[in-house]
Amino acid sequence: MLQLKVEAIKWELPDAATLVFSEVSGKKVNYKAGQFITLVFDHHAEEIRRSYSLSSSPDEDKLSITVKRITNGEISRYLLTKIKPGDIINAVEPAGRFTIENLEAEKDIFLFAAGSGIIPIFSQLKYALARPGYCKFILIYSNQNESSILFKDELNELAEKSPARLKIIHLLSSQANRLNNLVVEQLVRQHLKSTLINAEIYTCGPYEYMRMIRLTMLYMGFDPGQIRKENFVLDTVPVSAAILNYPPRRIQIHFNKETYDLVCGENQSILQAALQNSIPLPYSCRVGDCSTCSAICKNGRVEMVKNNVLTDADLAKGWILTCTAHPLTEVEIEF
């Protein structure tokens, strides 16, 4: 568990602020651009975990998250009104699979963001554009109006410094510029310089927004493995299935250089079994919407009742979400 000290708070918009952290021990926290960090709170004698995308780049000395106030968002309201410099917050190591790999390759990378969905993409752009490479970024950023654009000045500065590599397209609802299937297809075809197979799509925003973009990309002929999405608003309703019928199975977990042998009880997820046995596996949403709890299934078979983050390529490599995975056989899991 990390201990993060709040070093500074910078207001980006009237309803959004960046919290800058240092690790109390002084060690540098390693992460990839586009990942998130999970904050852990004790609230009314109950542990609550919330994940926030990192707005900082791994090149920066300190971590930062940017929090936007959301309706009925008790934790976001607490962070924006109660937290002050000097406060200490517990956190789980950064995680997430919303990352861009192979930056030196020649390819078109389309970044679709809506509102605060820009946060992990902002981290990616700062990191990628600080390095040589041939990939070109097309950011299509949707907001209500110009005054609601998060990181407006910083994004403009990135585009000015790297005009050959970054193109920013703002779509403002106040100007009747909204993203729909037709606009998505037109923008992609207009700005696609390489072949379809060499392009990648990254999208972060509300569920319906990301769903529309994904369906349009598939219709255009993109492979599902070329599309990455980040669920920055996580469902907090526990996973349920019409009928659960998973008998007890023995499982082995390799975590933090320790090996644990235990029984996963009837209809228990692997994460539930581990926490019941006091194994402090990382987790956040517990409903298959993030990847904090992801691990490799080395042996055996599991079934996930929900998966909104792992791609077919991830699954082929053995990645699973332990929060929704039920063992179908004896399994071996490695973190």
C-alpha atoms as a PDB file:
ATOM      1  CA  MET A   1       0.000   0.000   0.000  1.00  0.00           C
ATOM      2  CA  LEU A   2       1.275   3.442  -0.931  1.00  0.00           C
ATOM      3  CA  GLN A   3       1.018   6.503   1.290  1.00  0.00           C
ATOM      4  CA  LEU A   4       0.573   9.651  -0.752  1.00  0.00           C
ATOM      5  CA  LYS A   5       1.099  13.141   0.628  1.00  0.00           C
ATOM      6  CA  VAL A   6      -0.838  15.957  -1.005  1.00  0.00           C
ATOM      7  CA  GLU A   7       1.788  18.456  -2.134  1.00  0.00           C
ATOM      8  CA  ALA A   8      -0.429  20.909  -4.016  1.00  0.00           C
ATOM      9  CA  ILE A   9      -3.938  21.436  -5.374  1.00  0.00           C
ATOM     10  CA  LYS A  10      -4.402  23.261  -8.662  1.00  0.00           C
ATOM     11  CA  TRP A  11      -7.878  24.236  -9.854  1.00  0.00           C
ATOM     12  CA  GLU A  12      -8.235  23.570 -13.572  1.00  0.00           C
ATOM     13  CA  LEU A  13     -11.918  24.480 -13.888  1.00  0.00           C
ATOM     14  CA  PRO A  14     -14.546  25.629 -11.367  1.00  0.00           C
ATOM     15  CA  ASP A  15     -15.508  21.967 -10.887  1.00  0.00           C
ATOM     16  CA  ALA A  16     -12.171  20.207 -11.485  1.00  0.00           C
ATOM     17  CA  ALA A  17      -8.820  20.260  -9.698  1.00  0.00           C
ATOM     18  CA  THR A  18      -5.470  18.516  -9.984  1.00  0.00           C
ATOM     19  CA  LEU A  19      -4.067  16.953  -6.799  1.00  0.00           C
ATOM     20  CA  VAL A  20      -0.287  16.569  -6.792  1.00  0.00           C
ATOM     21  CA  PHE A  21       1.202  13.802  -4.626  1.00  0.00           C
ATOM     22  CA  SER A  22       4.548  12.580  -3.390  1.00  0.00           C
ATOM     23  CA  GLU A  23       5.109   9.152  -1.838  1.00  0.00           C
ATOM     24  CA  VAL A  24       5.737   9.519   1.910  1.00  0.00           C
ATOM     25  CA  SER A  25       8.694   7.116   1.788  1.00  0.00           C
ATOM     26  CA  GLY A  26      10.339   9.231  -0.901  1.00  0.00           C
ATOM     27  CA  LYS A  27      10.430   6.407  -3.431  1.00  0.00           C
ATOM     28  CA  LYS A  28       9.385   6.994  -7.030  1.00  0.00           C
ATOM     29  CA  VAL A  29       6.131   5.316  -7.966  1.00  0.00           C
ATOM     30  CA  ASN A  30       6.439   3.524 -11.306  1.00  0.00           C
ATOM     31  CA  TYR A  31       3.564   3.553 -13.769  1.00  0.00           C
ATOM     32  CA  LYS A  32       2.731   3.810 -17.460  1.00  0.00           C
ATOM     33  CA  ALA A  33       1.102   6.783 -19.143  1.00  0.00           C
ATOM     34  CA  GLY A  34      -2.660   6.188 -19.272  1.00  0.00           C
ATOM     35  CA  GLN A  35      -2.857   4.138 -16.069  1.00  0.00           C
ATOM     36  CA  PHE A  36      -4.903   4.970 -12.977  1.00  0.00           C
ATOM     37  CA  ILE A  37      -4.323   4.845  -9.236  1.00  0.00           C
ATOM     38  CA  THR A  38      -6.775   3.555  -6.625  1.00  0.00           C
ATOM     39  CA  LEU A  39      -7.255   5.656  -3.506  1.00  0.00           C
ATOM     40  CA  VAL A  40      -8.368   3.917  -0.297  1.00  0.00           C
ATOM     41  CA  PHE A  41     -10.579   5.707   2.239  1.00  0.00           C
ATOM     42  CA  ASP A  42     -12.080   4.807   5.605  1.00  0.00           C
ATOM     43  CA  HIS A  43     -15.600   6.178   5.437  1.00  0.00           C
ATOM     44  CA  HIS A  44     -18.097   5.536   8.240  1.00  0.00           C
ATOM     45  CA  ALA A  45     -16.058   2.497   9.376  1.00  0.00           C
ATOM     46  CA  GLU A  46     -16.137   1.070   5.846  1.00  0.00           C
ATOM     47  CA  GLU A  47     -13.275   0.807   3.356  1.00  0.00           C
ATOM     48  CA  ILE A  48     -14.050   2.576   0.077  1.00  0.00           C
ATOM     49  CA  ARG A  49     -11.836   2.448  -3.005  1.00  0.00           C
ATOM     50  CA  ARG A  50     -12.010   4.831  -5.934  1.00  0.00           C
ATOM     51  CA  SER A  51      -9.853   4.803  -9.052  1.00  0.00           C
ATOM     52  CA  TYR A  52      -8.638   7.986 -10.721  1.00  0.00           C
ATOM     53  CA  SER A  53      -6.700   8.277 -13.963  1.00  0.00           C
ATOM     54  CA  LEU A  54      -3.245   9.784 -13.569  1.00  0.00           C
ATOM     55  CA  SER A  55      -2.965  13.125 -15.333  1.00  0.00           C
ATOM     56  CA  SER A  56       0.788  13.238 -14.756  1.00  0.00           C
ATOM     57  CA  SER A  57       3.359  11.677 -17.068  1.00  0.00           C
ATOM     58  CA  PRO A  58       5.865   9.076 -15.818  1.00  0.00           C
ATOM     59  CA  ASP A  59       8.515  11.675 -16.711  1.00  0.00           C
ATOM     60  CA  GLU A  60       7.281  13.966 -13.926  1.00  0.00           C
ATOM     61  CA  ASP A  61       8.731  13.857 -10.419  1.00  0.00           C
ATOM     62  CA  LYS A  62       5.351  13.735  -8.692  1.00  0.00           C
ATOM     63  CA  LEU A  63       2.086  11.903  -9.292  1.00  0.00           C
ATOM     64  CA  SER A  64      -1.075  13.827 -10.049  1.00  0.00           C
ATOM     65  CA  ILE A  65      -4.720  13.022 -10.544  1.00  0.00           C
ATOM     66  CA  THR A  66      -7.354  15.404 -11.852  1.00  0.00           C
ATOM     67  CA  VAL A  67     -10.740  15.088 -10.170  1.00  0.00           C
ATOM     68  CA  LYS A  68     -13.981  16.469 -11.532  1.00  0.00           C
ATOM     69  CA  ARG A  69     -16.986  16.929  -9.283  1.00  0.00           C
ATOM     70  CA  ILE A  70     -19.767  14.569 -10.306  1.00  0.00           C
ATOM     71  CA  THR A  71     -23.412  14.537  -9.288  1.00  0.00           C
ATOM     72  CA  ASN A  72     -23.869  12.595  -6.038  1.00  0.00           C
ATOM     73  CA  GLY A  73     -20.141  11.848  -6.066  1.00  0.00           C
ATOM     74  CA  GLU A  74     -19.392  11.700  -2.354  1.00  0.00           C
ATOM     75  CA  ILE A  75     -15.697  10.893  -2.755  1.00  0.00           C
ATOM     76  CA  SER A  76     -15.053  13.438  -5.511  1.00  0.00           C
ATOM     77  CA  ARG A  77     -16.785  16.081  -3.369  1.00  0.00           C
ATOM     78  CA  TYR A  78     -14.640  15.074  -0.393  1.00  0.00           C
ATOM     79  CA  LEU A  79     -11.414  15.328  -2.430  1.00  0.00           C
ATOM     80  CA  LEU A  80     -12.356  18.745  -3.811  1.00  0.00           C
ATOM     81  CA  THR A  81     -13.625  20.317  -0.586  1.00  0.00           C
ATOM     82  CA  LYS A  82     -11.943  18.617   2.378  1.00  0.00           C
ATOM     83  CA  ILE A  83      -8.484  17.488   1.257  1.00  0.00           C
ATOM     84  CA  LYS A  84      -5.680  20.024   1.721  1.00  0.00           C
ATOM     85  CA  PRO A  85      -1.890  20.091   1.206  1.00  0.00           C
ATOM     86  CA  GLY A  86      -0.127  17.949   3.776  1.00  0.00           C
ATOM     87  CA  ASP A  87      -2.905  15.358   4.039  1.00  0.00           C
ATOM     88  CA  ILE A  88      -1.984  11.671   3.625  1.00  0.00           C
ATOM     89  CA  ILE A  89      -4.068   9.304   1.475  1.00  0.00           C
ATOM     90  CA  ASN A  90      -3.559   5.544   1.173  1.00  0.00           C
ATOM     91  CA  ALA A  91      -3.439   4.117  -2.330  1.00  0.00           C
ATOM     92  CA  VAL A  92      -2.878   0.938  -4.314  1.00  0.00           C
ATOM     93  CA  GLU A  93      -0.044   0.823  -6.871  1.00  0.00           C
ATOM     94  CA  PRO A  94      -1.010   2.227 -10.304  1.00  0.00           C
ATOM     95  CA  ALA A  95      -2.626  -0.210 -12.720  1.00  0.00           C
ATOM     96  CA  GLY A  96      -4.589  -0.271 -15.958  1.00  0.00           C
ATOM     97  CA  ARG A  97      -4.260  -1.394 -19.571  1.00  0.00           C
ATOM     98  CA  PHE A  98      -5.215   1.866 -21.296  1.00  0.00           C
ATOM     99  CA  THR A  99      -1.641   2.336 -22.481  1.00  0.00           C
ATOM    100  CA  ILE A 100      -0.020   2.969 -25.858  1.00  0.00           C
ATOM    101  CA  GLU A 101       2.795   0.615 -26.820  1.00  0.00           C
ATOM    102  CA  ASN A 102       5.385   0.693 -29.603  1.00  0.00           C
ATOM    103  CA  LEU A 103       5.529   4.484 -29.827  1.00  0.00           C
ATOM    104  CA  GLU A 104       8.306   4.451 -32.408  1.00  0.00           C
ATOM    105  CA  ALA A 105       6.124   2.692 -35.019  1.00  0.00           C
ATOM    106  CA  GLU A 106       4.630   4.544 -37.973  1.00  0.00           C
ATOM    107  CA  LYS A 107       0.894   4.482 -37.312  1.00  0.00           C
ATOM    108  CA  ASP A 108      -2.151   6.713 -36.802  1.00  0.00           C
ATOM    109  CA  ILE A 109      -3.493   6.835 -33.249  1.00  0.00           C
ATOM    110  CA  PHE A 110      -7.001   8.239 -32.852  1.00  0.00           C
ATOM    111  CA  LEU A 111      -7.791   9.506 -29.363  1.00  0.00           C
ATOM    112  CA  PHE A 112     -11.490  10.086 -28.613  1.00  0.00           C
ATOM    113  CA  ALA A 113     -12.205  11.896 -25.336  1.00  0.00           C
ATOM    114  CA  ALA A 114     -15.336  13.420 -23.834  1.00  0.00           C
ATOM    115  CA  GLY A 115     -15.156  15.803 -20.869  1.00  0.00           C
ATOM    116  CA  SER A 116     -12.876  14.470 -18.128  1.00  0.00           C
ATOM    117  CA  GLY A 117     -12.157  11.461 -20.332  1.00  0.00           C
ATOM    118  CA  ILE A 118      -9.214  13.546 -21.522  1.00  0.00           C
ATOM    119  CA  ILE A 119      -7.287  12.856 -18.296  1.00  0.00           C
ATOM    120  CA  PRO A 120      -5.538   9.548 -19.162  1.00  0.00           C
ATOM    121  CA  ILE A 121      -5.114  10.707 -22.776  1.00  0.00           C
ATOM    122  CA  PHE A 122      -3.411  13.901 -21.559  1.00  0.00           C
ATOM    123  CA  SER A 123      -0.917  11.714 -19.670  1.00  0.00           C
ATOM    124  CA  GLN A 124      -0.308   9.624 -22.785  1.00  0.00           C
ATOM    125  CA  LEU A 125       0.267  12.639 -25.023  1.00  0.00           C
ATOM    126  CA  LYS A 126       2.752  14.296 -22.663  1.00  0.00           C
ATOM    127  CA  TYR A 127       4.754  11.078 -22.428  1.00  0.00           C
ATOM    128  CA  ALA A 128       4.626  10.087 -26.106  1.00  0.00           C
ATOM    129  CA  LEU A 129       5.422  13.510 -27.572  1.00  0.00           C
ATOM    130  CA  ALA A 130       8.488  13.815 -25.345  1.00  0.00           C
ATOM    131  CA  ARG A 131       9.997  10.899 -27.280  1.00  0.00           C
ATOM    132  CA  PRO A 132      11.041  10.413 -30.886  1.00  0.00           C
ATOM    133  CA  GLY A 133       8.680   8.386 -32.999  1.00  0.00           C
ATOM    134  CA  TYR A 134       6.723   8.189 -36.212  1.00  0.00           C
ATOM    135  CA  CYS A 135       3.230   7.689 -34.814  1.00  0.00           C
ATOM    136  CA  LYS A 136       0.753  10.512 -35.365  1.00  0.00           C
ATOM    137  CA  PHE A 137      -1.970  11.432 -32.877  1.00  0.00           C
ATOM    138  CA  ILE A 138      -5.413  12.720 -33.796  1.00  0.00           C
ATOM    139  CA  LEU A 139      -7.259  13.919 -30.682  1.00  0.00           C
ATOM    140  CA  ILE A 140     -11.023  14.340 -31.095  1.00  0.00           C
ATOM    141  CA  TYR A 141     -12.196  16.039 -27.916  1.00  0.00           C
ATOM    142  CA  SER A 142     -15.893  16.637 -27.112  1.00  0.00           C
ATOM    143  CA  ASN A 143     -17.108  19.214 -24.563  1.00  0.00           C
ATOM    144  CA  GLN A 144     -20.162  21.308 -23.781  1.00  0.00           C
ATOM    145  CA  ASN A 145     -18.470  24.632 -24.523  1.00  0.00           C
ATOM    146  CA  GLU A 146     -15.056  26.254 -24.719  1.00  0.00           C
ATOM    147  CA  SER A 147     -14.944  27.132 -21.014  1.00  0.00           C
ATOM    148  CA  SER A 148     -15.338  23.441 -20.081  1.00  0.00           C
ATOM    149  CA  ILE A 149     -12.251  22.229 -22.000  1.00  0.00           C
ATOM    150  CA  LEU A 150      -9.905  20.587 -19.505  1.00  0.00           C
ATOM    151  CA  PHE A 151      -6.157  21.224 -20.030  1.00  0.00           C
ATOM    152  CA  LYS A 152      -6.971  23.584 -22.904  1.00  0.00           C
ATOM    153  CA  ASP A 153      -3.755  25.636 -22.717  1.00  0.00           C
ATOM    154  CA  GLU A 154      -1.526  22.605 -22.114  1.00  0.00           C
ATOM    155  CA  LEU A 155      -3.035  20.731 -25.062  1.00  0.00           C
ATOM    156  CA  ASN A 156      -2.562  23.754 -27.333  1.00  0.00           C
ATOM    157  CA  GLU A 157       1.074  23.965 -26.229  1.00  0.00           C
ATOM    158  CA  LEU A 158       1.636  20.283 -27.057  1.00  0.00           C
ATOM    159  CA  ALA A 159       0.109  20.800 -30.518  1.00  0.00           C
ATOM    160  CA  GLU A 160       2.275  23.886 -31.140  1.00  0.00           C
ATOM    161  CA  LYS A 161       5.447  22.032 -30.165  1.00  0.00           C
ATOM    162  CA  SER A 162       4.616  18.945 -32.250  1.00  0.00           C
ATOM    163  CA  PRO A 163       2.480  20.126 -35.189  1.00  0.00           C
ATOM    164  CA  ALA A 164       3.573  17.204 -37.372  1.00  0.00           C
ATOM    165  CA  ARG A 165       2.575  14.615 -34.771  1.00  0.00           C
ATOM    166  CA  LEU A 166      -0.501  15.990 -32.987  1.00  0.00           C
ATOM    167  CA  LYS A 167      -3.761  17.241 -34.486  1.00  0.00           C
ATOM    168  CA  ILE A 168      -6.519  18.400 -32.100  1.00  0.00           C
ATOM    169  CA  ILE A 169     -10.158  18.596 -33.184  1.00  0.00           C
ATOM    170  CA  HIS A 170     -12.545  20.218 -30.684  1.00  0.00           C
ATOM    171  CA  LEU A 171     -16.234  19.371 -30.894  1.00  0.00           C
ATOM    172  CA  LEU A 172     -18.434  21.699 -28.805  1.00  0.00           C
ATOM    173  CA  SER A 173     -22.110  20.979 -28.163  1.00  0.00           C
ATOM    174  CA  SER A 174     -22.781  24.712 -27.754  1.00  0.00           C
ATOM    175  CA  GLN A 175     -21.797  25.121 -31.409  1.00  0.00           C
ATOM    176  CA  ALA A 176     -23.948  22.176 -32.503  1.00  0.00           C
ATOM    177  CA  ASN A 177     -20.850  20.060 -33.110  1.00  0.00           C
ATOM    178  CA  ARG A 178     -21.635  16.661 -31.645  1.00  0.00           C
ATOM    179  CA  LEU A 179     -20.049  13.308 -32.266  1.00  0.00           C
ATOM    180  CA  ASN A 180     -22.192  10.660 -33.928  1.00  0.00           C
ATOM    181  CA  ASN A 181     -21.544   7.602 -36.086  1.00  0.00           C
ATOM    182  CA  LEU A 182     -21.328   9.614 -39.303  1.00  0.00           C
ATOM    183  CA  VAL A 183     -18.977  12.235 -37.856  1.00  0.00           C
ATOM    184  CA  VAL A 184     -16.732   9.558 -36.359  1.00  0.00           C
ATOM    185  CA  GLU A 185     -16.393   7.795 -39.708  1.00  0.00           C
ATOM    186  CA  GLN A 186     -15.799  11.055 -41.609  1.00  0.00           C
ATOM    187  CA  LEU A 187     -13.086  12.217 -39.195  1.00  0.00           C
ATOM    188  CA  VAL A 188     -11.272   8.890 -39.207  1.00  0.00           C
ATOM    189  CA  ARG A 189     -11.300   8.608 -43.005  1.00  0.00           C
ATOM    190  CA  GLN A 190     -10.211  12.248 -43.358  1.00  0.00           C
ATOM    191  CA  HIS A 191      -7.224  11.944 -41.023  1.00  0.00           C
ATOM    192  CA  LEU A 192      -6.165   8.341 -41.638  1.00  0.00           C
ATOM    193  CA  LYS A 193      -2.796   8.635 -43.379  1.00  0.00           C
ATOM    194  CA  SER A 194      -1.560   5.040 -43.060  1.00  0.00           C
ATOM    195  CA  THR A 195      -3.502   1.832 -43.666  1.00  0.00           C
ATOM    196  CA  LEU A 196      -6.452   0.765 -41.560  1.00  0.00           C
ATOM    197  CA  ILE A 197      -4.495  -2.131 -40.102  1.00  0.00           C
ATOM    198  CA  ASN A 198      -1.802   0.233 -38.761  1.00  0.00           C
ATOM    199  CA  ALA A 199      -4.220   2.505 -36.906  1.00  0.00           C
ATOM    200  CA  GLU A 200      -5.223   2.330 -33.237  1.00  0.00           C
ATOM    201  CA  ILE A 201      -8.244   3.725 -31.411  1.00  0.00           C
ATOM    202  CA  TYR A 202      -8.302   4.884 -27.769  1.00  0.00           C
ATOM    203  CA  THR A 203     -11.491   6.225 -26.243  1.00  0.00           C
ATOM    204  CA  CYS A 204     -12.470   7.489 -22.800  1.00  0.00           C
ATOM    205  CA  GLY A 205     -15.812   8.957 -21.837  1.00  0.00           C
ATOM    206  CA  PRO A 206     -19.388   7.980 -20.930  1.00  0.00           C
ATOM    207  CA  TYR A 207     -20.510   4.439 -21.714  1.00  0.00           C
ATOM    208  CA  GLU A 208     -22.834   5.298 -24.628  1.00  0.00           C
ATOM    209  CA  TYR A 209     -20.177   7.561 -26.161  1.00  0.00           C
ATOM    210  CA  MET A 210     -17.556   4.787 -26.121  1.00  0.00           C
ATOM    211  CA  ARG A 211     -20.047   2.193 -27.321  1.00  0.00           C
ATOM    212  CA  MET A 212     -20.980   4.353 -30.322  1.00  0.00           C
ATOM    213  CA  ILE A 213     -17.316   4.846 -31.258  1.00  0.00           C
ATOM    214  CA  ARG A 214     -16.524   1.148 -30.901  1.00  0.00           C
ATOM    215  CA  LEU A 215     -19.480   0.062 -33.048  1.00  0.00           C
ATOM    216  CA  THR A 216     -18.532   2.599 -35.725  1.00  0.00           C
ATOM    217  CA  MET A 217     -14.931   1.368 -35.760  1.00  0.00           C
ATOM    218  CA  LEU A 218     -16.037  -2.245 -36.115  1.00  0.00           C
ATOM    219  CA  TYR A 219     -18.395  -1.273 -38.955  1.00  0.00           C
ATOM    220  CA  MET A 220     -15.486   0.459 -40.709  1.00  0.00           C
ATOM    221  CA  GLY A 221     -13.434  -2.731 -40.552  1.00  0.00           C
ATOM    222  CA  PHE A 222     -11.217  -2.193 -37.528  1.00  0.00           C
ATOM    223  CA  ASP A 223     -10.277  -5.302 -35.580  1.00  0.00           C
ATOM    224  CA  PRO A 224     -11.516  -5.362 -31.945  1.00  0.00           C
ATOM    225  CA  GLY A 225      -7.885  -5.632 -30.822  1.00  0.00           C
ATOM    226  CA  GLN A 226      -7.195  -2.181 -32.316  1.00  0.00           C
ATOM    227  CA  ILE A 227      -9.691  -0.516 -29.974  1.00  0.00           C
ATOM    228  CA  ARG A 228      -8.989   0.361 -26.335  1.00  0.00           C
ATOM    229  CA  LYS A 229     -11.463   2.003 -23.970  1.00  0.00           C
ATOM    230  CA  GLU A 230     -11.182   3.303 -20.435  1.00  0.00           C
ATOM    231  CA  ASN A 231     -14.171   3.293 -18.088  1.00  0.00           C
ATOM    232  CA  PHE A 232     -13.513   6.465 -16.128  1.00  0.00           C
ATOM    233  CA  VAL A 233     -16.969   6.301 -14.531  1.00  0.00           C
ATOM    234  CA  LEU A 234     -17.252   2.913 -12.853  1.00  0.00           C
ATOM    235  CA  ASP A 235     -20.443   1.062 -12.065  1.00  0.00           C
ATOM    236  CA  THR A 236     -20.682   0.483  -8.308  1.00  0.00           C
ATOM    237  CA  VAL A 237     -23.423  -2.132  -8.435  1.00  0.00           C
ATOM    238  CA  PRO A 238     -22.116  -5.627  -7.555  1.00  0.00           C
ATOM    239  CA  VAL A 239     -21.867  -8.103 -10.396  1.00  0.00           C
ATOM    240  CA  SER A 240     -24.845 -10.408 -10.549  1.00  0.00           C
ATOM    241  CA  ALA A 241     -25.826 -13.236 -12.815  1.00  0.00           C
ATOM    242  CA  ALA A 242     -29.187 -14.856 -13.383  1.00  0.00           C
ATOM    243  CA  ILE A 243     -27.875 -18.229 -12.235  1.00  0.00           C
ATOM    244  CA  LEU A 244     -24.536 -18.837 -10.546  1.00  0.00           C
ATOM    245  CA  ASN A 245     -23.458 -22.438 -10.275  1.00  0.00           C
ATOM    246  CA  TYR A 246     -19.735 -22.581  -9.586  1.00  0.00           C
ATOM    247  CA  PRO A 247     -18.747 -25.384  -7.182  1.00  0.00           C
ATOM    248  CA  PRO A 248     -15.765 -24.998  -4.795  1.00  0.00           C
ATOM    249  CA  ARG A 249     -12.345 -25.341  -6.462  1.00  0.00           C
ATOM    250  CA  ARG A 250      -8.786 -25.329  -5.210  1.00  0.00           C
ATOM    251  CA  ILE A 251      -6.737 -22.373  -6.394  1.00  0.00           C
ATOM    252  CA  GLN A 252      -3.112 -21.339  -6.085  1.00  0.00           C
ATOM    253  CA  ILE A 253      -2.157 -17.650  -6.073  1.00  0.00           C
ATOM    254  CA  HIS A 254       1.332 -16.216  -6.551  1.00  0.00           C
ATOM    255  CA  PHE A 255       1.380 -12.694  -5.142  1.00  0.00           C
ATOM    256  CA  ASN A 256       4.150 -10.489  -3.727  1.00  0.00           C
ATOM    257  CA  LYS A 257       6.686 -13.338  -3.871  1.00  0.00           C
ATOM    258  CA  GLU A 258       4.403 -15.558  -1.779  1.00  0.00           C
ATOM    259  CA  THR A 259       2.378 -18.612  -2.813  1.00  0.00           C
ATOM    260  CA  TYR A 260      -1.068 -19.234  -1.336  1.00  0.00           C
ATOM    261  CA  ASP A 261      -3.092 -22.439  -1.627  1.00  0.00           C
ATOM    262  CA  LEU A 262      -6.772 -22.045  -0.799  1.00  0.00           C
ATOM    263  CA  VAL A 263     -10.284 -23.069  -1.728  1.00  0.00           C
ATOM    264  CA  CYS A 264     -12.508 -20.773  -3.743  1.00  0.00           C
ATOM    265  CA  GLY A 265     -15.951 -21.352  -2.243  1.00  0.00           C
ATOM    266  CA  GLU A 266     -19.204 -21.988  -4.050  1.00  0.00           C
ATOM    267  CA  ASN A 267     -20.044 -19.086  -6.382  1.00  0.00           C
ATOM    268  CA  GLN A 268     -17.099 -17.077  -5.021  1.00  0.00           C
ATOM    269  CA  SER A 269     -14.908 -15.048  -7.327  1.00  0.00           C
ATOM    270  CA  ILE A 270     -11.161 -15.528  -7.034  1.00  0.00           C
ATOM    271  CA  LEU A 271     -10.849 -12.043  -5.525  1.00  0.00           C
ATOM    272  CA  GLN A 272     -13.535 -12.752  -2.919  1.00  0.00           C
ATOM    273  CA  ALA A 273     -11.791 -15.971  -1.893  1.00  0.00           C
ATOM    274  CA  ALA A 274      -8.427 -14.228  -1.587  1.00  0.00           C
ATOM    275  CA  LEU A 275      -9.752 -11.344   0.513  1.00  0.00           C
ATOM    276  CA  GLN A 276     -11.632 -13.797   2.744  1.00  0.00           C
ATOM    277  CA  ASN A 277      -8.288 -15.499   3.377  1.00  0.00           C
ATOM    278  CA  SER A 278      -6.580 -12.161   4.199  1.00  0.00           C
ATOM    279  CA  ILE A 279      -4.578 -12.065   0.954  1.00  0.00           C
ATOM    280  CA  PRO A 280      -4.428  -8.331   0.098  1.00  0.00           C
ATOM    281  CA  LEU A 281      -4.862  -8.561  -3.666  1.00  0.00           C
ATOM    282  CA  PRO A 282      -5.265  -5.236  -5.488  1.00  0.00           C
ATOM    283  CA  TYR A 283      -8.784  -4.269  -6.542  1.00  0.00           C
ATOM    284  CA  SER A 284     -10.993  -1.273  -7.129  1.00  0.00           C
ATOM    285  CA  CYS A 285     -14.345  -1.516  -8.929  1.00  0.00           C
ATOM    286  CA  ARG A 286     -15.035  -5.238  -8.246  1.00  0.00           C
ATOM    287  CA  VAL A 287     -17.413  -5.363 -11.223  1.00  0.00           C
ATOM    288  CA  GLY A 288     -15.150  -6.016 -14.226  1.00  0.00           C
ATOM    289  CA  ASP A 289     -14.943  -2.388 -15.350  1.00  0.00           C
ATOM    290  CA  CYS A 290     -11.312  -1.624 -14.501  1.00  0.00           C
ATOM    291  CA  SER A 291      -8.187  -3.788 -14.510  1.00  0.00           C
ATOM    292  CA  THR A 292      -6.760  -3.224 -11.026  1.00  0.00           C
ATOM    293  CA  CYS A 293      -7.333  -6.865 -10.111  1.00  0.00           C
ATOM    294  CA  SER A 294      -6.010  -8.366 -13.362  1.00  0.00           C
ATOM    295  CA  ALA A 295      -3.681 -11.351 -13.225  1.00  0.00           C
ATOM    296  CA  ILE A 296      -2.421 -14.184 -15.416  1.00  0.00           C
ATOM    297  CA  CYS A 297      -4.111 -17.574 -15.277  1.00  0.00           C
ATOM    298  CA  LYS A 298      -1.087 -19.857 -15.637  1.00  0.00           C
ATOM    299  CA  ASN A 299      -2.978 -23.155 -15.443  1.00  0.00           C
ATOM    300  CA  GLY A 300      -6.614 -24.241 -15.477  1.00  0.00           C
ATOM    301  CA  ARG A 301      -9.746 -22.495 -16.734  1.00  0.00           C
ATOM    302  CA  VAL A 302     -11.899 -19.694 -15.370  1.00  0.00           C
ATOM    303  CA  GLU A 303     -15.095 -17.999 -16.437  1.00  0.00           C
ATOM    304  CA  MET A 304     -15.616 -14.245 -16.067  1.00  0.00           C
ATOM    305  CA  VAL A 305     -19.219 -13.162 -15.552  1.00  0.00           C
ATOM    306  CA  LYS A 306     -18.294  -9.640 -16.704  1.00  0.00           C
ATOM    307  CA  ASN A 307     -15.344  -8.150 -18.596  1.00  0.00           C
ATOM    308  CA  ASN A 308     -15.412  -4.595 -19.911  1.00  0.00           C
ATOM    309  CA  VAL A 309     -11.675  -4.026 -20.173  1.00  0.00           C
ATOM    310  CA  LEU A 310      -9.647  -7.001 -21.418  1.00  0.00           C
ATOM    311  CA  THR A 311      -9.357  -7.435 -25.186  1.00  0.00           C
ATOM    312  CA  ASP A 312      -9.278 -10.719 -27.101  1.00  0.00           C
ATOM    313  CA  ALA A 313      -5.487 -10.323 -27.322  1.00  0.00           C
ATOM    314  CA  ASP A 314      -5.278  -9.943 -23.529  1.00  0.00           C
ATOM    315  CA  LEU A 315      -7.436 -13.026 -23.010  1.00  0.00           C
ATOM    316  CA  ALA A 316      -5.272 -15.039 -25.406  1.00  0.00           C
ATOM    317  CA  LYS A 317      -2.265 -14.225 -23.208  1.00  0.00           C
ATOM    318  CA  GLY A 318      -4.069 -15.559 -20.137  1.00  0.00           C
ATOM    319  CA  TRP A 319      -5.130 -12.283 -18.508  1.00  0.00           C
ATOM    320  CA  ILE A 320      -8.211 -12.453 -16.271  1.00  0.00           C
ATOM    321  CA  LEU A 321     -10.112 -10.148 -13.947  1.00  0.00           C
ATOM    322  CA  THR A 322     -10.064 -11.848 -10.565  1.00  0.00           C
ATOM    323  CA  CYS A 323     -13.054  -9.808  -9.333  1.00  0.00           C
ATOM    324  CA  THR A 324     -15.433 -11.533 -11.766  1.00  0.00           C
ATOM    325  CA  ALA A 325     -13.511 -14.755 -12.507  1.00  0.00           C
ATOM    326  CA  HIS A 326     -14.796 -18.072 -11.181  1.00  0.00           C
ATOM    327  CA  PRO A 327     -12.571 -21.174 -11.429  1.00  0.00           C
ATOM    328  CA  LEU A 328     -13.986 -23.972 -13.578  1.00  0.00           C
ATOM    329  CA  THR A 329     -11.080 -26.255 -12.672  1.00  0.00           C
ATOM    330  CA  GLU A 330      -8.165 -26.082 -10.270  1.00  0.00           C
ATOM    331  CA  VAL A 331      -6.286 -22.957 -11.296  1.00  0.00           C
ATOM    332  CA  GLU A 332      -2.945 -21.244 -10.782  1.00  0.00           C
ATOM    333  CA  ILE A 333      -2.989 -17.429 -10.749  1.00  0.00           C
ATOM    334  CA  GLU A 334       0.020 -15.127 -10.936  1.00  0.00           C
ATOM    335  CA  PHE A 335       0.205 -11.391 -10.247  1.00  0.00           C
END
